[in-house]
PDB file of N, CA and C in Angstrom:
ATOM      1  N   UNK A   1      36.231 -12.242  25.927  1.00  0.00           N
ATOM      2  CA  UNK A   1      36.133 -11.869  24.535  1.00  0.00           C
ATOM      3  C   UNK A   1      34.661 -11.877  24.123  1.00  0.00           C
ATOM      4  N   UNK A   2      34.251 -10.913  23.346  1.00  0.00           N
ATOM      5  CA  UNK A   2      32.861 -10.782  22.916  1.00  0.00           C
ATOM      6  C   UNK A   2      32.574 -11.721  21.750  1.00  0.00           C
ATOM      7  N   UNK A   3      31.355 -12.194  21.719  1.00  0.00           N
ATOM      8  CA  UNK A   3      30.938 -13.042  20.608  1.00  0.00           C
ATOM      9  C   UNK A   3      29.665 -12.460  19.994  1.00  0.00           C
ATOM     10  N   UNK A   4      29.418 -12.818  18.759  1.00  0.00           N
ATOM     11  CA  UNK A   4      28.224 -12.313  18.088  1.00  0.00           C
ATOM     12  C   UNK A   4      27.065 -13.261  18.318  1.00  0.00           C
ATOM     13  N   UNK A   5      25.893 -12.673  18.388  1.00  0.00           N
ATOM     14  CA  UNK A   5      24.680 -13.454  18.563  1.00  0.00           C
ATOM     15  C   UNK A   5      23.689 -13.059  17.489  1.00  0.00           C
ATOM     16  N   UNK A   6      23.163 -13.997  16.758  1.00  0.00           N
ATOM     17  CA  UNK A   6      22.193 -13.721  15.715  1.00  0.00           C
ATOM     18  C   UNK A   6      20.826 -14.160  16.218  1.00  0.00           C
ATOM     19  N   UNK A   7      19.896 -13.219  16.235  1.00  0.00           N
ATOM     20  CA  UNK A   7      18.563 -13.481  16.740  1.00  0.00           C
ATOM     21  C   UNK A   7      17.638 -13.916  15.609  1.00  0.00           C
ATOM     22  N   UNK A   8      16.665 -14.747  15.933  1.00  0.00           N
ATOM     23  CA  UNK A   8      15.656 -15.153  14.964  1.00  0.00           C
ATOM     24  C   UNK A   8      14.534 -14.126  14.890  1.00  0.00           C
ATOM     25  N   UNK A   9      14.513 -13.171  15.802  1.00  0.00           N
ATOM     26  CA  UNK A   9      13.488 -12.140  15.842  1.00  0.00           C
ATOM     27  C   UNK A   9      13.809 -11.029  14.837  1.00  0.00           C
ATOM     28  N   UNK A  10      12.740 -10.435  14.260  1.00  0.00           N
ATOM     29  CA  UNK A  10      12.933  -9.278  13.401  1.00  0.00           C
ATOM     30  C   UNK A  10      13.307  -8.069  14.246  1.00  0.00           C
ATOM     31  N   UNK A  11      14.032  -7.127  13.697  1.00  0.00           N
ATOM     32  CA  UNK A  11      14.312  -5.901  14.442  1.00  0.00           C
ATOM     33  C   UNK A  11      13.001  -5.198  14.804  1.00  0.00           C
ATOM     34  N   UNK A  12      12.964  -4.474  15.917  1.00  0.00           N
ATOM     35  CA  UNK A  12      11.705  -3.877  16.366  1.00  0.00           C
ATOM     36  C   UNK A  12      11.161  -2.774  15.469  1.00  0.00           C
ATOM     37  N   UNK A  13      11.984  -2.188  14.598  1.00  0.00           N
ATOM     38  CA  UNK A  13      11.514  -1.100  13.747  1.00  0.00           C
ATOM     39  C   UNK A  13      11.046  -1.555  12.364  1.00  0.00           C
ATOM     40  N   UNK A  14      10.942  -2.851  12.134  1.00  0.00           N
ATOM     41  CA  UNK A  14      10.469  -3.375  10.856  1.00  0.00           C
ATOM     42  C   UNK A  14       9.036  -3.866  11.034  1.00  0.00           C
ATOM     43  N   UNK A  15       8.132  -3.366  10.189  1.00  0.00           N
ATOM     44  CA  UNK A  15       6.731  -3.751  10.241  1.00  0.00           C
ATOM     45  C   UNK A  15       6.452  -4.763   9.134  1.00  0.00           C
ATOM     46  N   UNK A  16       6.158  -6.020   9.475  1.00  0.00           N
ATOM     47  CA  UNK A  16       5.944  -7.038   8.442  1.00  0.00           C
ATOM     48  C   UNK A  16       4.636  -6.878   7.677  1.00  0.00           C
ATOM     49  N   UNK A  17       3.742  -5.981   8.129  1.00  0.00           N
ATOM     50  CA  UNK A  17       2.477  -5.802   7.427  1.00  0.00           C
ATOM     51  C   UNK A  17       2.569  -4.836   6.267  1.00  0.00           C
ATOM     52  N   UNK A  18       3.690  -4.166   6.098  1.00  0.00           N
ATOM     53  CA  UNK A  18       3.832  -3.195   5.020  1.00  0.00           C
ATOM     54  C   UNK A  18       4.766  -3.721   3.938  1.00  0.00           C
ATOM     55  N   UNK A  19       4.393  -3.433   2.715  1.00  0.00           N
ATOM     56  CA  UNK A  19       5.206  -3.871   1.579  1.00  0.00           C
ATOM     57  C   UNK A  19       6.411  -2.956   1.428  1.00  0.00           C
ATOM     58  N   UNK A  20       7.541  -3.503   1.004  1.00  0.00           N
ATOM     59  CA  UNK A  20       8.663  -2.628   0.688  1.00  0.00           C
ATOM     60  C   UNK A  20       8.299  -1.781  -0.529  1.00  0.00           C
ATOM     61  N   UNK A  21       8.583  -0.496  -0.456  1.00  0.00           N
ATOM     62  CA  UNK A  21       8.170   0.441  -1.500  1.00  0.00           C
ATOM     63  C   UNK A  21       9.382   0.834  -2.332  1.00  0.00           C
ATOM     64  N   UNK A  22       9.188   0.872  -3.639  1.00  0.00           N
ATOM     65  CA  UNK A  22      10.241   1.343  -4.531  1.00  0.00           C
ATOM     66  C   UNK A  22      10.398   2.849  -4.350  1.00  0.00           C
ATOM     67  N   UNK A  23      11.507   3.391  -4.803  1.00  0.00           N
ATOM     68  CA  UNK A  23      11.775   4.807  -4.639  1.00  0.00           C
ATOM     69  C   UNK A  23      11.397   5.589  -5.888  1.00  0.00           C
ATOM     70  N   UNK A  24      11.111   6.853  -5.684  1.00  0.00           N
ATOM     71  CA  UNK A  24      10.898   7.776  -6.794  1.00  0.00           C
ATOM     72  C   UNK A  24       9.641   7.498  -7.578  1.00  0.00           C
ATOM     73  N   UNK A  25       9.774   7.624  -8.892  1.00  0.00           N
ATOM     74  CA  UNK A  25       8.612   7.486  -9.772  1.00  0.00           C
ATOM     75  C   UNK A  25       8.097   6.065  -9.850  1.00  0.00           C
ATOM     76  N   UNK A  26       8.854   5.103  -9.427  1.00  0.00           N
ATOM     77  CA  UNK A  26       8.478   3.698  -9.565  1.00  0.00           C
ATOM     78  C   UNK A  26       7.608   3.201  -8.415  1.00  0.00           C
ATOM     79  N   UNK A  27       7.465   3.964  -7.326  1.00  0.00           N
ATOM     80  CA  UNK A  27       6.746   3.499  -6.144  1.00  0.00           C
ATOM     81  C   UNK A  27       5.271   3.222  -6.429  1.00  0.00           C
ATOM     82  N   UNK A  28       4.570   4.187  -6.968  1.00  0.00           N
ATOM     83  CA  UNK A  28       3.136   4.004  -7.201  1.00  0.00           C
ATOM     84  C   UNK A  28       2.826   2.987  -8.304  1.00  0.00           C
ATOM     85  N   UNK A  29       3.550   2.995  -9.435  1.00  0.00           N
ATOM     86  CA  UNK A  29       3.271   1.942 -10.421  1.00  0.00           C
ATOM     87  C   UNK A  29       3.493   0.528  -9.866  1.00  0.00           C
ATOM     88  N   UNK A  30       4.506   0.367  -9.025  1.00  0.00           N
ATOM     89  CA  UNK A  30       4.762  -0.947  -8.417  1.00  0.00           C
ATOM     90  C   UNK A  30       3.611  -1.353  -7.507  1.00  0.00           C
ATOM     91  N   UNK A  31       3.120  -0.412  -6.688  1.00  0.00           N
ATOM     92  CA  UNK A  31       1.983  -0.709  -5.819  1.00  0.00           C
ATOM     93  C   UNK A  31       0.727  -0.988  -6.635  1.00  0.00           C
ATOM     94  N   UNK A  32       0.580  -0.315  -7.758  1.00  0.00           N
ATOM     95  CA  UNK A  32      -0.571  -0.565  -8.628  1.00  0.00           C
ATOM     96  C   UNK A  32      -0.551  -1.997  -9.160  1.00  0.00           C
ATOM     97  N   UNK A  33       0.639  -2.482  -9.489  1.00  0.00           N
ATOM     98  CA  UNK A  33       0.768  -3.875  -9.931  1.00  0.00           C
ATOM     99  C   UNK A  33       0.457  -4.839  -8.788  1.00  0.00           C
ATOM    100  N   UNK A  34       0.921  -4.489  -7.580  1.00  0.00           N
ATOM    101  CA  UNK A  34       0.752  -5.395  -6.451  1.00  0.00           C
ATOM    102  C   UNK A  34      -0.687  -5.471  -5.958  1.00  0.00           C
ATOM    103  N   UNK A  35      -1.464  -4.403  -6.078  1.00  0.00           N
ATOM    104  CA  UNK A  35      -2.857  -4.504  -5.641  1.00  0.00           C
ATOM    105  C   UNK A  35      -3.693  -5.333  -6.611  1.00  0.00           C
ATOM    106  N   UNK A  36      -3.163  -5.577  -7.807  1.00  0.00           N
ATOM    107  CA  UNK A  36      -3.846  -6.438  -8.772  1.00  0.00           C
ATOM    108  C   UNK A  36      -3.353  -7.876  -8.710  1.00  0.00           C
ATOM    109  N   UNK A  37      -2.456  -8.154  -7.790  1.00  0.00           N
ATOM    110  CA  UNK A  37      -1.881  -9.483  -7.657  1.00  0.00           C
ATOM    111  C   UNK A  37      -2.942 -10.491  -7.217  1.00  0.00           C
ATOM    112  N   UNK A  38      -2.853 -11.732  -7.673  1.00  0.00           N
ATOM    113  CA  UNK A  38      -3.801 -12.747  -7.212  1.00  0.00           C
ATOM    114  C   UNK A  38      -3.528 -13.222  -5.781  1.00  0.00           C
ATOM    115  N   UNK A  39      -2.353 -12.892  -5.253  1.00  0.00           N
ATOM    116  CA  UNK A  39      -1.979 -13.318  -3.903  1.00  0.00           C
ATOM    117  C   UNK A  39      -2.529 -12.322  -2.873  1.00  0.00           C
ATOM    118  N   UNK A  40      -3.281 -12.823  -1.907  1.00  0.00           N
ATOM    119  CA  UNK A  40      -3.967 -11.987  -0.924  1.00  0.00           C
ATOM    120  C   UNK A  40      -3.000 -11.188  -0.061  1.00  0.00           C
ATOM    121  N   UNK A  41      -1.941 -11.809   0.431  1.00  0.00           N
ATOM    122  CA  UNK A  41      -0.988 -11.126   1.297  1.00  0.00           C
ATOM    123  C   UNK A  41      -0.302  -9.970   0.569  1.00  0.00           C
ATOM    124  N   UNK A  42       0.017 -10.167  -0.699  1.00  0.00           N
ATOM    125  CA  UNK A  42       0.635  -9.107  -1.495  1.00  0.00           C
ATOM    126  C   UNK A  42      -0.314  -7.931  -1.643  1.00  0.00           C
ATOM    127  N   UNK A  43      -1.582  -8.209  -1.880  1.00  0.00           N
ATOM    128  CA  UNK A  43      -2.580  -7.143  -1.988  1.00  0.00           C
ATOM    129  C   UNK A  43      -2.709  -6.379  -0.676  1.00  0.00           C
ATOM    130  N   UNK A  44      -2.777  -7.103   0.425  1.00  0.00           N
ATOM    131  CA  UNK A  44      -2.934  -6.461   1.726  1.00  0.00           C
ATOM    132  C   UNK A  44      -1.739  -5.577   2.058  1.00  0.00           C
ATOM    133  N   UNK A  45      -0.550  -6.071   1.814  1.00  0.00           N
ATOM    134  CA  UNK A  45       0.655  -5.276   2.095  1.00  0.00           C
ATOM    135  C   UNK A  45       0.719  -4.032   1.219  1.00  0.00           C
ATOM    136  N   UNK A  46       0.362  -4.176  -0.047  1.00  0.00           N
ATOM    137  CA  UNK A  46       0.380  -3.025  -0.953  1.00  0.00           C
ATOM    138  C   UNK A  46      -0.647  -1.980  -0.516  1.00  0.00           C
ATOM    139  N   UNK A  47      -1.800  -2.423  -0.068  1.00  0.00           N
ATOM    140  CA  UNK A  47      -2.818  -1.477   0.390  1.00  0.00           C
ATOM    141  C   UNK A  47      -2.385  -0.763   1.664  1.00  0.00           C
ATOM    142  N   UNK A  48      -1.708  -1.464   2.556  1.00  0.00           N
ATOM    143  CA  UNK A  48      -1.198  -0.829   3.782  1.00  0.00           C
ATOM    144  C   UNK A  48      -0.170   0.254   3.430  1.00  0.00           C
ATOM    145  N   UNK A  49       0.723  -0.044   2.503  1.00  0.00           N
ATOM    146  CA  UNK A  49       1.734   0.927   2.100  1.00  0.00           C
ATOM    147  C   UNK A  49       1.096   2.105   1.366  1.00  0.00           C
ATOM    148  N   UNK A  50       0.121   1.809   0.506  1.00  0.00           N
ATOM    149  CA  UNK A  50      -0.549   2.866  -0.237  1.00  0.00           C
ATOM    150  C   UNK A  50      -1.330   3.785   0.698  1.00  0.00           C
ATOM    151  N   UNK A  51      -1.880   3.221   1.749  1.00  0.00           N
ATOM    152  CA  UNK A  51      -2.630   4.011   2.725  1.00  0.00           C
ATOM    153  C   UNK A  51      -1.728   5.063   3.373  1.00  0.00           C
ATOM    154  N   UNK A  52      -0.480   4.731   3.585  1.00  0.00           N
ATOM    155  CA  UNK A  52       0.468   5.706   4.137  1.00  0.00           C
ATOM    156  C   UNK A  52       0.859   6.765   3.103  1.00  0.00           C
ATOM    157  N   UNK A  53       0.958   6.377   1.848  1.00  0.00           N
ATOM    158  CA  UNK A  53       1.421   7.302   0.813  1.00  0.00           C
ATOM    159  C   UNK A  53       0.369   8.333   0.406  1.00  0.00           C
ATOM    160  N   UNK A  54      -0.908   7.980   0.462  1.00  0.00           N
ATOM    161  CA  UNK A  54      -1.929   8.883  -0.070  1.00  0.00           C
ATOM    162  C   UNK A  54      -2.231  10.074   0.838  1.00  0.00           C
ATOM    163  N   UNK A  55      -1.530  10.192   1.939  1.00  0.00           N
ATOM    164  CA  UNK A  55      -1.687  11.380   2.773  1.00  0.00           C
ATOM    165  C   UNK A  55      -1.005  12.593   2.122  1.00  0.00           C
ATOM    166  N   UNK A  56      -0.127  12.343   1.169  1.00  0.00           N
ATOM    167  CA  UNK A  56       0.567  13.395   0.435  1.00  0.00           C
ATOM    168  C   UNK A  56      -0.236  13.740  -0.821  1.00  0.00           C
ATOM    169  N   UNK A  57      -0.697  15.004  -0.976  1.00  0.00           N
ATOM    170  CA  UNK A  57      -1.503  15.367  -2.150  1.00  0.00           C
ATOM    171  C   UNK A  57      -0.816  15.100  -3.483  1.00  0.00           C
ATOM    172  N   UNK A  58       0.509  15.213  -3.521  1.00  0.00           N
ATOM    173  CA  UNK A  58       1.223  14.941  -4.762  1.00  0.00           C
ATOM    174  C   UNK A  58       1.110  13.467  -5.147  1.00  0.00           C
ATOM    175  N   UNK A  59       1.183  12.590  -4.151  1.00  0.00           N
ATOM    176  CA  UNK A  59       1.038  11.150  -4.414  1.00  0.00           C
ATOM    177  C   UNK A  59      -0.390  10.823  -4.853  1.00  0.00           C
ATOM    178  N   UNK A  60      -1.376  11.537  -4.300  1.00  0.00           N
ATOM    179  CA  UNK A  60      -2.774  11.327  -4.709  1.00  0.00           C
ATOM    180  C   UNK A  60      -2.928  11.688  -6.181  1.00  0.00           C
ATOM    181  N   UNK A  61      -2.349  12.823  -6.564  1.00  0.00           N
ATOM    182  CA  UNK A  61      -2.424  13.249  -7.962  1.00  0.00           C
ATOM    183  C   UNK A  61      -1.781  12.204  -8.883  1.00  0.00           C
ATOM    184  N   UNK A  62      -0.608  11.708  -8.501  1.00  0.00           N
ATOM    185  CA  UNK A  62       0.072  10.685  -9.303  1.00  0.00           C
ATOM    186  C   UNK A  62      -0.746   9.406  -9.363  1.00  0.00           C
ATOM    187  N   UNK A  63      -1.356   9.031  -8.239  1.00  0.00           N
ATOM    188  CA  UNK A  63      -2.154   7.804  -8.199  1.00  0.00           C
ATOM    189  C   UNK A  63      -3.352   7.897  -9.132  1.00  0.00           C
ATOM    190  N   UNK A  64      -3.983   9.063  -9.186  1.00  0.00           N
ATOM    191  CA  UNK A  64      -5.125   9.242 -10.084  1.00  0.00           C
ATOM    192  C   UNK A  64      -4.669   9.159 -11.536  1.00  0.00           C
ATOM    193  N   UNK A  65      -3.517   9.756 -11.833  1.00  0.00           N
ATOM    194  CA  UNK A  65      -2.985   9.716 -13.196  1.00  0.00           C
ATOM    195  C   UNK A  65      -2.643   8.292 -13.631  1.00  0.00           C
ATOM    196  N   UNK A  66      -2.148   7.483 -12.702  1.00  0.00           N
ATOM    197  CA  UNK A  66      -1.760   6.107 -13.024  1.00  0.00           C
ATOM    198  C   UNK A  66      -2.986   5.223 -13.263  1.00  0.00           C
ATOM    199  N   UNK A  67      -4.071   5.515 -12.591  1.00  0.00           N
ATOM    200  CA  UNK A  67      -5.291   4.722 -12.762  1.00  0.00           C
ATOM    201  C   UNK A  67      -5.663   3.907 -11.541  1.00  0.00           C
ATOM    202  N   UNK A  68      -5.253   4.356 -10.372  1.00  0.00           N
ATOM    203  CA  UNK A  68      -5.563   3.638  -9.140  1.00  0.00           C
ATOM    204  C   UNK A  68      -7.050   3.580  -8.850  1.00  0.00           C
ATOM    205  N   UNK A  69      -7.782   4.628  -9.198  1.00  0.00           N
ATOM    206  CA  UNK A  69      -9.194   4.705  -8.810  1.00  0.00           C
ATOM    207  C   UNK A  69      -9.989   3.536  -9.385  1.00  0.00           C
ATOM    208  N   UNK A  70      -9.740   3.210 -10.633  1.00  0.00           N
ATOM    209  CA  UNK A  70     -10.450   2.086 -11.256  1.00  0.00           C
ATOM    210  C   UNK A  70     -10.090   0.761 -10.585  1.00  0.00           C
ATOM    211  N   UNK A  71      -8.805   0.574 -10.270  1.00  0.00           N
ATOM    212  CA  UNK A  71      -8.381  -0.662  -9.611  1.00  0.00           C
ATOM    213  C   UNK A  71      -8.912  -0.749  -8.186  1.00  0.00           C
ATOM    214  N   UNK A  72      -8.944   0.389  -7.490  1.00  0.00           N
ATOM    215  CA  UNK A  72      -9.481   0.395  -6.129  1.00  0.00           C
ATOM    216  C   UNK A  72     -10.986   0.143  -6.141  1.00  0.00           C
ATOM    217  N   UNK A  73     -11.660   0.649  -7.157  1.00  0.00           N
ATOM    218  CA  UNK A  73     -13.098   0.424  -7.283  1.00  0.00           C
ATOM    219  C   UNK A  73     -13.394  -1.082  -7.419  1.00  0.00           C
ATOM    220  N   UNK A  74     -12.551  -1.778  -8.155  1.00  0.00           N
ATOM    221  CA  UNK A  74     -12.723  -3.222  -8.309  1.00  0.00           C
ATOM    222  C   UNK A  74     -12.479  -3.971  -6.996  1.00  0.00           C
ATOM    223  N   UNK A  75     -11.568  -3.437  -6.154  1.00  0.00           N
ATOM    224  CA  UNK A  75     -11.255  -4.094  -4.885  1.00  0.00           C
ATOM    225  C   UNK A  75     -12.361  -3.930  -3.845  1.00  0.00           C
ATOM    226  N   UNK A  76     -13.298  -3.015  -4.074  1.00  0.00           N
ATOM    227  CA  UNK A  76     -14.404  -2.860  -3.137  1.00  0.00           C
ATOM    228  C   UNK A  76     -15.303  -4.096  -3.099  1.00  0.00           C
ATOM    229  N   UNK A  77     -15.222  -4.918  -4.126  1.00  0.00           N
ATOM    230  CA  UNK A  77     -16.016  -6.152  -4.200  1.00  0.00           C
ATOM    231  C   UNK A  77     -15.213  -7.393  -3.819  1.00  0.00           C
ATOM    232  N   UNK A  78     -14.033  -7.208  -3.261  1.00  0.00           N
ATOM    233  CA  UNK A  78     -13.134  -8.315  -2.917  1.00  0.00           C
ATOM    234  C   UNK A  78     -13.743  -9.179  -1.817  1.00  0.00           C
ATOM    235  N   UNK A  79     -13.391 -10.450  -1.797  1.00  0.00           N
ATOM    236  CA  UNK A  79     -13.936 -11.377  -0.789  1.00  0.00           C
ATOM    237  C   UNK A  79     -13.348 -11.170   0.604  1.00  0.00           C
ATOM    238  N   UNK A  80     -12.164 -10.554   0.696  1.00  0.00           N
ATOM    239  CA  UNK A  80     -11.504 -10.357   1.989  1.00  0.00           C
ATOM    240  C   UNK A  80     -11.916  -9.018   2.600  1.00  0.00           C
ATOM    241  N   UNK A  81     -12.301  -9.040   3.876  1.00  0.00           N
ATOM    242  CA  UNK A  81     -12.769  -7.821   4.533  1.00  0.00           C
ATOM    243  C   UNK A  81     -11.645  -6.812   4.765  1.00  0.00           C
ATOM    244  N   UNK A  82     -10.418  -7.276   4.989  1.00  0.00           N
ATOM    245  CA  UNK A  82      -9.304  -6.359   5.191  1.00  0.00           C
ATOM    246  C   UNK A  82      -9.020  -5.562   3.917  1.00  0.00           C
ATOM    247  N   UNK A  83      -9.079  -6.218   2.792  1.00  0.00           N
ATOM    248  CA  UNK A  83      -8.859  -5.543   1.512  1.00  0.00           C
ATOM    249  C   UNK A  83      -9.947  -4.500   1.282  1.00  0.00           C
ATOM    250  N   UNK A  84     -11.192  -4.860   1.554  1.00  0.00           N
ATOM    251  CA  UNK A  84     -12.294  -3.906   1.384  1.00  0.00           C
ATOM    252  C   UNK A  84     -12.149  -2.709   2.329  1.00  0.00           C
ATOM    253  N   UNK A  85     -11.757  -2.985   3.573  1.00  0.00           N
ATOM    254  CA  UNK A  85     -11.618  -1.917   4.556  1.00  0.00           C
ATOM    255  C   UNK A  85     -10.504  -0.942   4.169  1.00  0.00           C
ATOM    256  N   UNK A  86      -9.343  -1.462   3.814  1.00  0.00           N
ATOM    257  CA  UNK A  86      -8.220  -0.604   3.440  1.00  0.00           C
ATOM    258  C   UNK A  86      -8.507   0.162   2.146  1.00  0.00           C
ATOM    259  N   UNK A  87      -9.195  -0.475   1.219  1.00  0.00           N
ATOM    260  CA  UNK A  87      -9.564   0.187  -0.024  1.00  0.00           C
ATOM    261  C   UNK A  87     -10.485   1.367   0.259  1.00  0.00           C
ATOM    262  N   UNK A  88     -11.450   1.158   1.125  1.00  0.00           N
ATOM    263  CA  UNK A  88     -12.363   2.239   1.504  1.00  0.00           C
ATOM    264  C   UNK A  88     -11.617   3.370   2.191  1.00  0.00           C
ATOM    265  N   UNK A  89     -10.681   3.029   3.062  1.00  0.00           N
ATOM    266  CA  UNK A  89      -9.886   4.037   3.762  1.00  0.00           C
ATOM    267  C   UNK A  89      -9.054   4.860   2.783  1.00  0.00           C
ATOM    268  N   UNK A  90      -8.442   4.206   1.800  1.00  0.00           N
ATOM    269  CA  UNK A  90      -7.630   4.899   0.805  1.00  0.00           C
ATOM    270  C   UNK A  90      -8.497   5.836  -0.029  1.00  0.00           C
ATOM    271  N   UNK A  91      -9.648   5.353  -0.481  1.00  0.00           N
ATOM    272  CA  UNK A  91     -10.524   6.195  -1.276  1.00  0.00           C
ATOM    273  C   UNK A  91     -11.028   7.392  -0.473  1.00  0.00           C
ATOM    274  N   UNK A  92     -11.278   7.198   0.804  1.00  0.00           N
ATOM    275  CA  UNK A  92     -11.727   8.289   1.661  1.00  0.00           C
ATOM    276  C   UNK A  92     -10.628   9.346   1.819  1.00  0.00           C
ATOM    277  N   UNK A  93      -9.407   8.908   2.042  1.00  0.00           N
ATOM    278  CA  UNK A  93      -8.276   9.848   2.183  1.00  0.00           C
ATOM    279  C   UNK A  93      -8.051  10.590   0.861  1.00  0.00           C
ATOM    280  N   UNK A  94      -8.139   9.880  -0.246  1.00  0.00           N
ATOM    281  CA  UNK A  94      -7.959  10.511  -1.556  1.00  0.00           C
ATOM    282  C   UNK A  94      -9.043  11.554  -1.816  1.00  0.00           C
ATOM    283  N   UNK A  95     -10.267  11.252  -1.409  1.00  0.00           N
ATOM    284  CA  UNK A  95     -11.384  12.168  -1.651  1.00  0.00           C
ATOM    285  C   UNK A  95     -11.274  13.432  -0.790  1.00  0.00           C
ATOM    286  N   UNK A  96     -10.575  13.371   0.322  1.00  0.00           N
ATOM    287  CA  UNK A  96     -10.448  14.546   1.184  1.00  0.00           C
ATOM    288  C   UNK A  96      -9.447  15.566   0.627  1.00  0.00           C
ATOM    289  N   UNK A  97      -8.590  15.161  -0.302  1.00  0.00           N
ATOM    290  CA  UNK A  97      -7.640  16.096  -0.897  1.00  0.00           C
ATOM    291  C   UNK A  97      -8.316  16.845  -2.053  1.00  0.00           C
ATOM    292  N   UNK A  98      -7.826  18.021  -2.352  1.00  0.00           N
ATOM    293  CA  UNK A  98      -8.405  18.823  -3.429  1.00  0.00           C
ATOM    294  C   UNK A  98      -8.302  18.126  -4.779  1.00  0.00           C
ATOM    295  N   UNK A  99      -7.206  17.436  -5.024  1.00  0.00           N
ATOM    296  CA  UNK A  99      -7.022  16.783  -6.323  1.00  0.00           C
ATOM    297  C   UNK A  99      -7.835  15.499  -6.434  1.00  0.00           C
ATOM    298  N   UNK A 100      -8.288  14.971  -5.314  1.00  0.00           N
ATOM    299  CA  UNK A 100      -9.050  13.722  -5.306  1.00  0.00           C
ATOM    300  C   UNK A 100     -10.475  13.950  -5.713  1.00  0.00           C
TER     301      UNK A 100
END
């Protein structure tokens, strides 16, 4: 007879470095709140998720409308090097799009 086994390991297709993203119109405003969080891990995860989203020109346009550029500009002076690096990467990707 078969028995069930529960593993302590995460499934292989789940990336713990990325923040869970809300759907639809709420995704970017939620990430905007999270990059302003005082918690470092929350900021890093939000930046990783945002880095994936800004490859879409429509998301770049929405991000500019929401006010991401000002918040990202403030993160360039952050004490953590990962936050500064991801912020620079996001701004670079945004600048390569026509709307950026």
